[in-house]
PDB file of N, CA and C in Angstrom:
ATOM      1  N   MET A   1     -62.003 -12.574  -6.737  1.00  0.00           N
ATOM      2  CA  MET A   1     -63.415 -12.341  -6.630  1.00  0.00           C
ATOM      3  C   MET A   1     -63.650 -10.839  -6.732  1.00  0.00           C
ATOM      4  N   ARG A   2     -64.764 -10.505  -7.295  1.00  0.00           N
ATOM      5  CA  ARG A   2     -65.064  -9.088  -7.464  1.00  0.00           C
ATOM      6  C   ARG A   2     -66.564  -8.889  -7.311  1.00  0.00           C
ATOM      7  N   ILE A   3     -66.930  -7.829  -6.619  1.00  0.00           N
ATOM      8  CA  ILE A   3     -68.321  -7.412  -6.519  1.00  0.00           C
ATOM      9  C   ILE A   3     -68.367  -5.976  -7.000  1.00  0.00           C
ATOM     10  N   GLY A   4     -69.090  -5.741  -8.058  1.00  0.00           N
ATOM     11  CA  GLY A   4     -69.158  -4.396  -8.605  1.00  0.00           C
ATOM     12  C   GLY A   4     -67.810  -3.961  -9.153  1.00  0.00           C
ATOM     13  N   SER A   5     -67.618  -2.655  -9.173  1.00  0.00           N
ATOM     14  CA  SER A   5     -66.368  -2.142  -9.741  1.00  0.00           C
ATOM     15  C   SER A   5     -65.341  -1.758  -8.685  1.00  0.00           C
ATOM     16  N   ASN A   6     -65.709  -1.835  -7.405  1.00  0.00           N
ATOM     17  CA  ASN A   6     -64.793  -1.356  -6.369  1.00  0.00           C
ATOM     18  C   ASN A   6     -64.424  -2.370  -5.300  1.00  0.00           C
ATOM     19  N   ALA A   7     -65.047  -3.516  -5.262  1.00  0.00           N
ATOM     20  CA  ALA A   7     -64.772  -4.492  -4.202  1.00  0.00           C
ATOM     21  C   ALA A   7     -64.048  -5.705  -4.781  1.00  0.00           C
ATOM     22  N   LEU A   8     -62.785  -5.857  -4.402  1.00  0.00           N
ATOM     23  CA  LEU A   8     -61.967  -6.979  -4.851  1.00  0.00           C
ATOM     24  C   LEU A   8     -61.518  -7.782  -3.641  1.00  0.00           C
ATOM     25  N   SER A   9     -61.402  -9.093  -3.813  1.00  0.00           N
ATOM     26  CA  SER A   9     -60.878  -9.915  -2.726  1.00  0.00           C
ATOM     27  C   SER A   9     -60.105 -11.083  -3.316  1.00  0.00           C
ATOM     28  N   MET A  10     -59.348 -11.759  -2.445  1.00  0.00           N
ATOM     29  CA  MET A  10     -58.609 -12.939  -2.877  1.00  0.00           C
ATOM     30  C   MET A  10     -58.398 -13.858  -1.684  1.00  0.00           C
ATOM     31  N   GLN A  11     -58.226 -15.128  -1.959  1.00  0.00           N
ATOM     32  CA  GLN A  11     -57.882 -16.108  -0.938  1.00  0.00           C
ATOM     33  C   GLN A  11     -56.690 -16.888  -1.467  1.00  0.00           C
ATOM     34  N   TYR A  12     -55.531 -16.571  -0.920  1.00  0.00           N
ATOM     35  CA  TYR A  12     -54.298 -17.175  -1.420  1.00  0.00           C
ATOM     36  C   TYR A  12     -53.227 -16.907  -0.382  1.00  0.00           C
ATOM     37  N   HIS A  13     -52.523 -17.911   0.043  1.00  0.00           N
ATOM     38  CA  HIS A  13     -51.504 -17.735   1.072  1.00  0.00           C
ATOM     39  C   HIS A  13     -50.174 -17.325   0.446  1.00  0.00           C
ATOM     40  N   VAL A  14     -50.009 -16.021   0.285  1.00  0.00           N
ATOM     41  CA  VAL A  14     -48.788 -15.497  -0.323  1.00  0.00           C
ATOM     42  C   VAL A  14     -47.694 -15.252   0.707  1.00  0.00           C
ATOM     43  N   GLU A  15     -48.004 -15.502   1.971  1.00  0.00           N
ATOM     44  CA  GLU A  15     -47.051 -15.164   3.034  1.00  0.00           C
ATOM     45  C   GLU A  15     -45.987 -16.233   3.269  1.00  0.00           C
ATOM     46  N   VAL A  16     -45.899 -17.227   2.422  1.00  0.00           N
ATOM     47  CA  VAL A  16     -44.882 -18.269   2.584  1.00  0.00           C
ATOM     48  C   VAL A  16     -43.501 -17.660   2.364  1.00  0.00           C
ATOM     49  N   GLU A  17     -42.650 -17.831   3.357  1.00  0.00           N
ATOM     50  CA  GLU A  17     -41.284 -17.308   3.325  1.00  0.00           C
ATOM     51  C   GLU A  17     -40.320 -18.436   3.693  1.00  0.00           C
ATOM     52  N   PRO A  18     -39.036 -18.229   3.531  1.00  0.00           N
ATOM     53  CA  PRO A  18     -38.079 -19.309   3.809  1.00  0.00           C
ATOM     54  C   PRO A  18     -38.189 -19.926   5.205  1.00  0.00           C
ATOM     55  N   ASP A  19     -38.634 -19.168   6.201  1.00  0.00           N
ATOM     56  CA  ASP A  19     -38.718 -19.713   7.560  1.00  0.00           C
ATOM     57  C   ASP A  19     -40.120 -20.178   7.954  1.00  0.00           C
ATOM     58  N   THR A  20     -41.062 -20.176   7.022  1.00  0.00           N
ATOM     59  CA  THR A  20     -42.447 -20.512   7.347  1.00  0.00           C
ATOM     60  C   THR A  20     -42.590 -21.926   7.899  1.00  0.00           C
ATOM     61  N   VAL A  21     -41.993 -22.914   7.273  1.00  0.00           N
ATOM     62  CA  VAL A  21     -42.148 -24.296   7.743  1.00  0.00           C
ATOM     63  C   VAL A  21     -41.575 -24.445   9.147  1.00  0.00           C
ATOM     64  N   ASP A  22     -40.432 -23.848   9.412  1.00  0.00           N
ATOM     65  CA  ASP A  22     -39.859 -23.920  10.761  1.00  0.00           C
ATOM     66  C   ASP A  22     -40.748 -23.206  11.775  1.00  0.00           C
ATOM     67  N   ASN A  23     -41.345 -22.084  11.378  1.00  0.00           N
ATOM     68  CA  ASN A  23     -42.260 -21.379  12.281  1.00  0.00           C
ATOM     69  C   ASN A  23     -43.480 -22.235  12.583  1.00  0.00           C
ATOM     70  N   TRP A  24     -44.039 -22.880  11.560  1.00  0.00           N
ATOM     71  CA  TRP A  24     -45.173 -23.783  11.779  1.00  0.00           C
ATOM     72  C   TRP A  24     -44.761 -24.938  12.674  1.00  0.00           C
ATOM     73  N   ALA A  25     -43.599 -25.516  12.418  1.00  0.00           N
ATOM     74  CA  ALA A  25     -43.148 -26.682  13.179  1.00  0.00           C
ATOM     75  C   ALA A  25     -42.876 -26.348  14.639  1.00  0.00           C
ATOM     76  N   ALA A  26     -42.681 -25.073  14.947  1.00  0.00           N
ATOM     77  CA  ALA A  26     -42.467 -24.658  16.336  1.00  0.00           C
ATOM     78  C   ALA A  26     -43.766 -24.683  17.142  1.00  0.00           C
ATOM     79  N   ILE A  27     -44.893 -24.789  16.471  1.00  0.00           N
ATOM     80  CA  ILE A  27     -46.198 -24.884  17.139  1.00  0.00           C
ATOM     81  C   ILE A  27     -46.515 -26.374  17.275  1.00  0.00           C
ATOM     82  N   PRO A  28     -46.556 -26.882  18.511  1.00  0.00           N
ATOM     83  CA  PRO A  28     -46.692 -28.329  18.705  1.00  0.00           C
ATOM     84  C   PRO A  28     -47.851 -28.967  17.932  1.00  0.00           C
ATOM     85  N   ALA A  29     -49.006 -28.355  17.930  1.00  0.00           N
ATOM     86  CA  ALA A  29     -50.151 -28.951  17.232  1.00  0.00           C
ATOM     87  C   ALA A  29     -49.907 -29.035  15.729  1.00  0.00           C
ATOM     88  N   TYR A  30     -49.280 -28.027  15.152  1.00  0.00           N
ATOM     89  CA  TYR A  30     -48.979 -28.043  13.717  1.00  0.00           C
ATOM     90  C   TYR A  30     -47.931 -29.113  13.407  1.00  0.00           C
ATOM     91  N   ARG A  31     -46.907 -29.175  14.262  1.00  0.00           N
ATOM     92  CA  ARG A  31     -45.850 -30.178  14.068  1.00  0.00           C
ATOM     93  C   ARG A  31     -46.441 -31.586  14.129  1.00  0.00           C
ATOM     94  N   GLU A  32     -47.282 -31.830  15.127  1.00  0.00           N
ATOM     95  CA  GLU A  32     -47.907 -33.142  15.284  1.00  0.00           C
ATOM     96  C   GLU A  32     -48.795 -33.476  14.090  1.00  0.00           C
ATOM     97  N   ALA A  33     -49.529 -32.490  13.593  1.00  0.00           N
ATOM     98  CA  ALA A  33     -50.391 -32.722  12.427  1.00  0.00           C
ATOM     99  C   ALA A  33     -49.559 -33.051  11.190  1.00  0.00           C
ATOM    100  N   LEU A  34     -48.453 -32.359  11.025  1.00  0.00           N
ATOM    101  CA  LEU A  34     -47.580 -32.609   9.881  1.00  0.00           C
ATOM    102  C   LEU A  34     -46.979 -34.010   9.950  1.00  0.00           C
ATOM    103  N   ILE A  35     -46.554 -34.410  11.133  1.00  0.00           N
ATOM    104  CA  ILE A  35     -45.998 -35.752  11.316  1.00  0.00           C
ATOM    105  C   ILE A  35     -47.081 -36.809  11.114  1.00  0.00           C
ATOM    106  N   ALA A  36     -48.285 -36.539  11.619  1.00  0.00           N
ATOM    107  CA  ALA A  36     -49.386 -37.494  11.434  1.00  0.00           C
ATOM    108  C   ALA A  36     -49.725 -37.665   9.956  1.00  0.00           C
ATOM    109  N   ALA A  37     -49.655 -36.583   9.205  1.00  0.00           N
ATOM    110  CA  ALA A  37     -50.005 -36.632   7.782  1.00  0.00           C
ATOM    111  C   ALA A  37     -48.884 -37.172   6.911  1.00  0.00           C
ATOM    112  N   MET A  38     -47.623 -36.871   7.283  1.00  0.00           N
ATOM    113  CA  MET A  38     -46.502 -37.174   6.387  1.00  0.00           C
ATOM    114  C   MET A  38     -45.477 -38.141   6.966  1.00  0.00           C
ATOM    115  N   GLY A  39     -45.655 -38.544   8.222  1.00  0.00           N
ATOM    116  CA  GLY A  39     -44.692 -39.444   8.846  1.00  0.00           C
ATOM    117  C   GLY A  39     -43.635 -38.674   9.624  1.00  0.00           C
ATOM    118  N   GLU A  40     -42.741 -39.416  10.252  1.00  0.00           N
ATOM    119  CA  GLU A  40     -41.732 -38.822  11.134  1.00  0.00           C
ATOM    120  C   GLU A  40     -40.830 -37.807  10.441  1.00  0.00           C
ATOM    121  N   THR A  41     -40.644 -37.945   9.155  1.00  0.00           N
ATOM    122  CA  THR A  41     -39.796 -36.995   8.425  1.00  0.00           C
ATOM    123  C   THR A  41     -40.617 -35.862   7.804  1.00  0.00           C
ATOM    124  N   GLY A  42     -41.864 -35.736   8.231  1.00  0.00           N
ATOM    125  CA  GLY A  42     -42.766 -34.752   7.635  1.00  0.00           C
ATOM    126  C   GLY A  42     -42.260 -33.330   7.656  1.00  0.00           C
ATOM    127  N   VAL A  43     -41.702 -32.902   8.780  1.00  0.00           N
ATOM    128  CA  VAL A  43     -41.209 -31.523   8.872  1.00  0.00           C
ATOM    129  C   VAL A  43     -40.052 -31.309   7.900  1.00  0.00           C
ATOM    130  N   ALA A  44     -39.096 -32.209   7.914  1.00  0.00           N
ATOM    131  CA  ALA A  44     -37.951 -32.081   7.002  1.00  0.00           C
ATOM    132  C   ALA A  44     -38.393 -32.175   5.547  1.00  0.00           C
ATOM    133  N   ASP A  45     -39.332 -33.090   5.270  1.00  0.00           N
ATOM    134  CA  ASP A  45     -39.823 -33.232   3.896  1.00  0.00           C
ATOM    135  C   ASP A  45     -40.531 -31.961   3.431  1.00  0.00           C
ATOM    136  N   MET A  46     -41.362 -31.387   4.303  1.00  0.00           N
ATOM    137  CA  MET A  46     -42.073 -30.157   3.949  1.00  0.00           C
ATOM    138  C   MET A  46     -41.087 -29.006   3.780  1.00  0.00           C
ATOM    139  N   ARG A  47     -40.094 -28.927   4.664  1.00  0.00           N
ATOM    140  CA  ARG A  47     -39.071 -27.878   4.559  1.00  0.00           C
ATOM    141  C   ARG A  47     -38.334 -27.986   3.224  1.00  0.00           C
ATOM    142  N   ASP A  48     -37.943 -29.202   2.857  1.00  0.00           N
ATOM    143  CA  ASP A  48     -37.232 -29.414   1.593  1.00  0.00           C
ATOM    144  C   ASP A  48     -38.114 -29.079   0.392  1.00  0.00           C
ATOM    145  N   ALA A  49     -39.369 -29.505   0.447  1.00  0.00           N
ATOM    146  CA  ALA A  49     -40.290 -29.224  -0.660  1.00  0.00           C
ATOM    147  C   ALA A  49     -40.516 -27.725  -0.809  1.00  0.00           C
ATOM    148  N   ALA A  50     -40.688 -27.033   0.309  1.00  0.00           N
ATOM    149  CA  ALA A  50     -40.887 -25.581   0.258  1.00  0.00           C
ATOM    150  C   ALA A  50     -39.642 -24.886  -0.277  1.00  0.00           C
ATOM    151  N   ALA A  51     -38.476 -25.316   0.169  1.00  0.00           N
ATOM    152  CA  ALA A  51     -37.228 -24.696  -0.292  1.00  0.00           C
ATOM    153  C   ALA A  51     -37.060 -24.853  -1.798  1.00  0.00           C
ATOM    154  N   THR A  52     -37.437 -26.014  -2.305  1.00  0.00           N
ATOM    155  CA  THR A  52     -37.329 -26.271  -3.742  1.00  0.00           C
ATOM    156  C   THR A  52     -38.201 -25.318  -4.553  1.00  0.00           C
ATOM    157  N   GLN A  53     -39.345 -24.940  -3.990  1.00  0.00           N
ATOM    158  CA  GLN A  53     -40.306 -24.097  -4.703  1.00  0.00           C
ATOM    159  C   GLN A  53     -40.269 -22.625  -4.283  1.00  0.00           C
ATOM    160  N   MET A  54     -39.398 -22.264  -3.325  1.00  0.00           N
ATOM    161  CA  MET A  54     -39.444 -20.934  -2.718  1.00  0.00           C
ATOM    162  C   MET A  54     -39.306 -19.794  -3.722  1.00  0.00           C
ATOM    163  N   ALA A  55     -38.401 -19.891  -4.664  1.00  0.00           N
ATOM    164  CA  ALA A  55     -38.239 -18.804  -5.640  1.00  0.00           C
ATOM    165  C   ALA A  55     -39.547 -18.559  -6.385  1.00  0.00           C
ATOM    166  N   GLY A  56     -40.237 -19.619  -6.743  1.00  0.00           N
ATOM    167  CA  GLY A  56     -41.528 -19.480  -7.417  1.00  0.00           C
ATOM    168  C   GLY A  56     -42.592 -18.892  -6.514  1.00  0.00           C
ATOM    169  N   PHE A  57     -42.612 -19.312  -5.230  1.00  0.00           N
ATOM    170  CA  PHE A  57     -43.569 -18.742  -4.279  1.00  0.00           C
ATOM    171  C   PHE A  57     -43.373 -17.236  -4.156  1.00  0.00           C
ATOM    172  N   LEU A  58     -42.119 -16.821  -4.004  1.00  0.00           N
ATOM    173  CA  LEU A  58     -41.821 -15.401  -3.821  1.00  0.00           C
ATOM    174  C   LEU A  58     -42.143 -14.600  -5.076  1.00  0.00           C
ATOM    175  N   ALA A  59     -41.842 -15.142  -6.244  1.00  0.00           N
ATOM    176  CA  ALA A  59     -42.156 -14.450  -7.500  1.00  0.00           C
ATOM    177  C   ALA A  59     -43.665 -14.334  -7.689  1.00  0.00           C
ATOM    178  N   ALA A  60     -44.398 -15.389  -7.356  1.00  0.00           N
ATOM    179  CA  ALA A  60     -45.854 -15.354  -7.482  1.00  0.00           C
ATOM    180  C   ALA A  60     -46.458 -14.328  -6.531  1.00  0.00           C
ATOM    181  N   ALA A  61     -45.936 -14.249  -5.308  1.00  0.00           N
ATOM    182  CA  ALA A  61     -46.426 -13.262  -4.348  1.00  0.00           C
ATOM    183  C   ALA A  61     -46.188 -11.848  -4.856  1.00  0.00           C
ATOM    184  N   GLU A  62     -45.008 -11.600  -5.367  1.00  0.00           N
ATOM    185  CA  GLU A  62     -44.677 -10.275  -5.910  1.00  0.00           C
ATOM    186  C   GLU A  62     -45.625  -9.906  -7.052  1.00  0.00           C
ATOM    187  N   GLN A  63     -45.857 -10.838  -7.963  1.00  0.00           N
ATOM    188  CA  GLN A  63     -46.741 -10.580  -9.103  1.00  0.00           C
ATOM    189  C   GLN A  63     -48.179 -10.364  -8.646  1.00  0.00           C
ATOM    190  N   LEU A  64     -48.630 -11.188  -7.703  1.00  0.00           N
ATOM    191  CA  LEU A  64     -49.993 -11.060  -7.197  1.00  0.00           C
ATOM    192  C   LEU A  64     -50.213  -9.704  -6.549  1.00  0.00           C
ATOM    193  N   TYR A  65     -49.305  -9.295  -5.680  1.00  0.00           N
ATOM    194  CA  TYR A  65     -49.443  -7.989  -5.032  1.00  0.00           C
ATOM    195  C   TYR A  65     -49.414  -6.862  -6.052  1.00  0.00           C
ATOM    196  N   SER A  66     -48.523  -6.946  -7.005  1.00  0.00           N
ATOM    197  CA  SER A  66     -48.426  -5.915  -8.035  1.00  0.00           C
ATOM    198  C   SER A  66     -49.721  -5.826  -8.834  1.00  0.00           C
ATOM    199  N   ASN A  67     -50.226  -6.961  -9.279  1.00  0.00           N
ATOM    200  CA  ASN A  67     -51.468  -6.975 -10.046  1.00  0.00           C
ATOM    201  C   ASN A  67     -52.644  -6.479  -9.219  1.00  0.00           C
ATOM    202  N   PHE A  68     -52.705  -6.891  -7.954  1.00  0.00           N
ATOM    203  CA  PHE A  68     -53.803  -6.475  -7.091  1.00  0.00           C
ATOM    204  C   PHE A  68     -53.790  -4.964  -6.880  1.00  0.00           C
ATOM    205  N   MET A  69     -52.621  -4.406  -6.647  1.00  0.00           N
ATOM    206  CA  MET A  69     -52.526  -2.957  -6.442  1.00  0.00           C
ATOM    207  C   MET A  69     -52.923  -2.196  -7.704  1.00  0.00           C
ATOM    208  N   LYS A  70     -52.550  -2.703  -8.864  1.00  0.00           N
ATOM    209  CA  LYS A  70     -52.956  -2.067 -10.124  1.00  0.00           C
ATOM    210  C   LYS A  70     -54.468  -2.129 -10.292  1.00  0.00           C
ATOM    211  N   ALA A  71     -55.059  -3.289 -10.000  1.00  0.00           N
ATOM    212  CA  ALA A  71     -56.511  -3.438 -10.123  1.00  0.00           C
ATOM    213  C   ALA A  71     -57.241  -2.552  -9.122  1.00  0.00           C
ATOM    214  N   ALA A  72     -56.716  -2.474  -7.907  1.00  0.00           N
ATOM    215  CA  ALA A  72     -57.351  -1.651  -6.879  1.00  0.00           C
ATOM    216  C   ALA A  72     -57.272  -0.168  -7.214  1.00  0.00           C
ATOM    217  N   ALA A  73     -56.220   0.233  -7.900  1.00  0.00           N
ATOM    218  CA  ALA A  73     -56.045   1.646  -8.257  1.00  0.00           C
ATOM    219  C   ALA A  73     -56.885   2.046  -9.469  1.00  0.00           C
ATOM    220  N   ALA A  74     -57.345   1.064 -10.227  1.00  0.00           N
ATOM    221  CA  ALA A  74     -58.095   1.361 -11.462  1.00  0.00           C
ATOM    222  C   ALA A  74     -59.518   1.802 -11.177  1.00  0.00           C
TER     223      ALA A  74
END
């Protein structure tokens, strides 16, 4: 999103890291919500799914930050 030539913003969760799912699962309400949505194996399933995509998440975060800093400097 952009307003004028100097105000840029974004909404994107780039903070996903290898331990994110375990950190979320350590919060009882988040763990319960994940199990309610995905079943008893929800935490393990989410952990596996995130691990499968982690290299892409990290590369996308790196590219996003790089592009944002270039745009902000322009």
